[in-house]
N, C-alpha and C. Protein backbone atom coordinates (compact mmCIF):
# COMPACT_ATOMS: atom_id res chain seq x y z
N UNK A 1 108.86 93.81 92.17
CA UNK A 1 108.48 92.54 92.40
C UNK A 1 108.87 92.55 94.24
N UNK A 2 110.57 92.59 93.98
CA UNK A 2 111.35 92.22 95.03
C UNK A 2 110.66 93.29 96.39
N UNK A 3 110.47 94.55 95.71
CA UNK A 3 110.42 95.78 96.34
C UNK A 3 109.31 95.12 97.41
N UNK A 4 108.19 94.75 96.73
CA UNK A 4 106.72 94.49 97.32
C UNK A 4 107.14 93.54 98.62
N UNK A 5 108.53 92.81 97.95
CA UNK A 5 108.62 91.78 99.14
C UNK A 5 109.02 92.54 100.52
N UNK A 6 110.48 93.55 100.03
CA UNK A 6 110.64 94.03 101.07
C UNK A 6 109.83 94.51 102.01
N UNK A 7 108.68 95.20 101.29
CA UNK A 7 107.84 96.14 102.10
C UNK A 7 106.80 95.71 102.68
N UNK A 8 106.43 94.29 102.79
CA UNK A 8 105.28 93.62 103.57
C UNK A 8 106.32 93.03 104.52
N UNK A 9 107.42 92.67 104.64
CA UNK A 9 107.89 91.92 105.97
C UNK A 9 108.51 93.26 106.92
N UNK A 10 107.73 94.61 106.87
CA UNK A 10 108.03 95.44 107.70
C UNK A 10 106.93 95.29 108.59
N UNK A 11 107.09 94.77 109.61
CA UNK A 11 105.64 94.72 110.79
C UNK A 11 104.43 95.71 110.82
N UNK A 12 105.32 97.14 110.17
CA UNK A 12 103.98 98.51 110.95
C UNK A 12 103.45 98.19 109.61
N UNK A 13 103.84 97.92 108.57
CA UNK A 13 102.73 97.99 107.07
C UNK A 13 102.35 96.47 107.06
N UNK A 14 102.18 95.83 107.92
CA UNK A 14 101.95 94.47 107.75
C UNK A 14 100.57 94.67 108.63
N UNK A 15 100.85 95.49 109.98
CA UNK A 15 99.82 95.41 110.80
C UNK A 15 98.84 96.00 110.39
N UNK A 16 99.32 97.41 109.94
CA UNK A 16 97.99 98.49 109.31
C UNK A 16 97.41 97.61 107.91
N UNK A 17 97.90 96.73 107.26
CA UNK A 17 97.33 96.29 106.08
C UNK A 17 96.01 95.35 106.55
N UNK A 18 96.69 94.54 107.93
CA UNK A 18 95.53 94.00 108.22
C UNK A 18 94.29 94.67 108.74
N UNK A 19 94.49 95.80 109.45
CA UNK A 19 93.87 96.32 110.14
C UNK A 19 92.75 97.19 109.18
N UNK A 20 93.51 97.68 108.03
CA UNK A 20 92.72 98.38 106.64
C UNK A 20 91.97 97.57 106.22
N UNK A 21 92.40 96.22 105.62
CA UNK A 21 91.70 94.69 105.11
C UNK A 21 90.34 94.29 106.26
N UNK A 22 90.71 94.32 107.31
CA UNK A 22 89.33 93.49 108.49
C UNK A 22 88.44 94.88 108.26
N UNK A 23 88.86 96.10 108.48
CA UNK A 23 87.90 97.12 108.31
C UNK A 23 87.07 96.88 107.34
N UNK A 24 87.49 97.06 106.12
CA UNK A 24 86.86 96.95 104.92
C UNK A 24 85.67 95.77 104.66
N UNK A 25 86.08 94.74 105.46
CA UNK A 25 85.30 93.15 105.16
C UNK A 25 84.05 93.54 106.58
N UNK A 26 84.44 94.12 107.16
CA UNK A 26 83.54 94.30 108.16
C UNK A 26 82.59 95.56 107.70
N UNK A 27 82.77 96.18 107.01
CA UNK A 27 82.16 97.52 106.58
C UNK A 27 80.97 96.76 105.21
N UNK A 28 81.67 96.31 104.53
CA UNK A 28 81.34 95.42 103.12
C UNK A 28 80.12 94.86 103.88
N UNK A 29 80.45 93.71 104.94
CA UNK A 29 79.36 93.01 105.64
C UNK A 29 78.53 93.64 106.47
N UNK A 30 78.51 95.35 106.91
CA UNK A 30 77.45 95.82 107.24
C UNK A 30 76.66 95.92 106.51
N UNK A 31 77.40 96.72 105.15
CA UNK A 31 76.09 97.58 104.16
C UNK A 31 75.27 96.09 103.72
N UNK A 32 75.87 95.06 103.47
CA UNK A 32 75.45 94.09 102.88
C UNK A 32 74.53 93.19 103.79
N UNK A 33 74.18 93.47 105.37
CA UNK A 33 73.36 92.68 106.30
C UNK A 33 73.76 91.47 106.59
N UNK A 34 75.02 91.34 106.52
CA UNK A 34 75.46 89.51 106.96
C UNK A 34 75.30 89.56 107.90
N UNK A 35 74.29 88.66 108.25
CA UNK A 35 73.81 88.45 109.82
C UNK A 35 74.94 88.68 110.72
N UNK A 36 75.98 87.88 110.85
CA UNK A 36 77.43 87.98 111.85
C UNK A 36 77.89 89.38 111.83
N UNK A 37 77.79 90.10 110.98
CA UNK A 37 78.48 91.75 110.74
C UNK A 37 77.87 92.45 110.88
N UNK A 38 76.27 92.08 110.94
CA UNK A 38 75.47 93.49 110.71
C UNK A 38 75.59 94.13 111.95
N UNK A 39 75.70 93.50 113.08
CA UNK A 39 75.68 93.92 114.68
C UNK A 39 76.53 94.76 114.83
N UNK A 40 77.53 95.05 113.89
CA UNK A 40 78.66 95.65 114.53
C UNK A 40 78.72 97.11 114.51
N UNK A 41 78.98 97.82 115.55
CA UNK A 41 79.12 99.31 115.27
C UNK A 41 79.98 100.33 114.16
N UNK A 42 78.79 100.51 113.25
CA UNK A 42 79.50 101.48 112.36
C UNK A 42 80.92 102.47 112.96
N UNK A 43 80.78 102.71 114.16
CA UNK A 43 81.55 103.81 115.05
C UNK A 43 83.33 102.89 114.70
N UNK A 44 82.93 101.62 115.05
CA UNK A 44 84.27 100.91 115.35
C UNK A 44 84.86 100.53 113.97
N UNK A 45 83.76 100.48 112.70
CA UNK A 45 84.65 100.04 112.31
C UNK A 45 85.57 100.74 111.07
N UNK A 46 84.66 102.35 111.26
CA UNK A 46 85.06 103.65 110.91
C UNK A 46 86.58 104.04 111.72
N UNK A 47 86.57 103.58 113.17
CA UNK A 47 87.80 103.99 113.76
C UNK A 47 89.26 103.31 113.42
N UNK A 48 88.81 101.71 113.09
CA UNK A 48 89.79 101.10 112.81
C UNK A 48 90.15 101.22 111.15
N UNK A 49 89.24 100.96 110.72
CA UNK A 49 89.47 101.97 109.29
C UNK A 49 90.39 103.08 108.82
N UNK A 50 90.55 104.11 109.48
CA UNK A 50 90.49 105.45 110.03
C UNK A 50 92.35 104.86 110.67
N UNK A 51 92.14 104.08 111.51
CA UNK A 51 93.67 103.56 112.42
C UNK A 51 94.66 102.86 111.49
N UNK A 52 93.66 102.03 110.32
CA UNK A 52 94.56 101.22 109.45
C UNK A 52 95.22 102.13 108.50
N UNK A 53 94.83 103.08 108.03
CA UNK A 53 95.06 104.28 107.21
C UNK A 53 96.41 105.17 107.66
N UNK A 54 96.00 105.44 108.83
CA UNK A 54 97.11 106.11 109.70
C UNK A 54 98.37 105.22 109.94
N UNK A 55 98.28 103.92 110.00
CA UNK A 55 99.49 103.07 110.29
C UNK A 55 100.03 102.83 109.04
N UNK A 56 99.48 102.80 108.06
CA UNK A 56 100.08 102.53 106.74
C UNK A 56 100.82 103.57 106.14
N UNK A 57 99.82 104.96 106.46
CA UNK A 57 101.02 106.07 106.01
C UNK A 57 102.32 106.30 106.64
N UNK A 58 102.24 106.39 108.28
CA UNK A 58 103.46 106.41 108.89
C UNK A 58 104.44 104.91 108.60
N UNK A 59 103.89 103.92 108.19
CA UNK A 59 104.86 102.85 108.13
C UNK A 59 105.52 102.84 106.61
N UNK A 60 104.81 103.59 105.41
CA UNK A 60 105.64 103.39 104.07
C UNK A 60 106.14 104.80 104.30
N UNK A 61 105.91 105.77 105.33
CA UNK A 61 106.77 107.11 105.41
C UNK A 61 107.97 106.25 105.98
N UNK A 62 108.13 105.82 106.90
CA UNK A 62 109.12 105.31 107.68
C UNK A 62 110.22 104.20 106.64
N UNK A 63 109.42 103.61 106.07
CA UNK A 63 110.21 102.53 104.95
C UNK A 63 111.20 103.93 104.19
N UNK A 64 110.10 104.17 103.52
CA UNK A 64 111.07 105.61 102.30
C UNK A 64 111.85 106.33 102.95
N UNK A 65 111.72 106.65 104.23
CA UNK A 65 112.81 107.56 105.26
C UNK A 65 114.04 106.54 105.31
N UNK A 66 113.40 105.11 105.49
CA UNK A 66 114.80 103.96 105.79
C UNK A 66 115.46 103.73 104.24
N UNK A 67 114.61 104.10 103.27
CA UNK A 67 115.33 103.77 102.08
C UNK A 67 116.25 105.31 101.86
N UNK A 68 116.18 106.26 101.94
CA UNK A 68 116.85 107.48 101.46
C UNK A 68 117.99 107.51 102.38
N UNK A 69 117.75 107.04 103.88
CA UNK A 69 119.15 107.26 105.14
C UNK A 69 120.07 106.04 103.89
N UNK A 70 119.26 105.05 103.86
CA UNK A 70 120.69 103.96 103.49
C UNK A 70 121.23 104.05 101.87
N UNK A 71 120.67 105.03 101.08
CA UNK A 71 121.08 105.70 99.83
C UNK A 71 122.49 106.48 100.34
N UNK A 72 122.07 107.19 101.93
CA UNK A 72 123.34 108.49 101.86
C UNK A 72 124.20 107.73 102.57
N UNK A 73 123.89 106.51 103.16
CA UNK A 73 124.87 106.05 103.88
C UNK A 73 126.11 105.35 102.49
N UNK A 74 125.52 104.98 101.53
CA UNK A 74 126.01 104.54 100.61
C UNK A 74 127.19 105.59 99.72
N UNK A 75 126.97 106.65 100.16
CA UNK A 75 127.84 107.80 98.87
C UNK A 75 128.93 107.76 99.43
């Protein structure tokens, strides 16, 4: 559990998570025809979703690389 707390403190991972979750909310609202969200264009939703996935992927990779480098420094 403490590892998850450390991961969410990284701004890149937090930004990617917010992007991904907001895109999912808009996508669900788009498909359920919620009045405020149904006028959103699908292209912007997909662009934000892809961007969020990319930011999360690079953020987790960066976090993993930092952990590997920290273990190397301890030796």
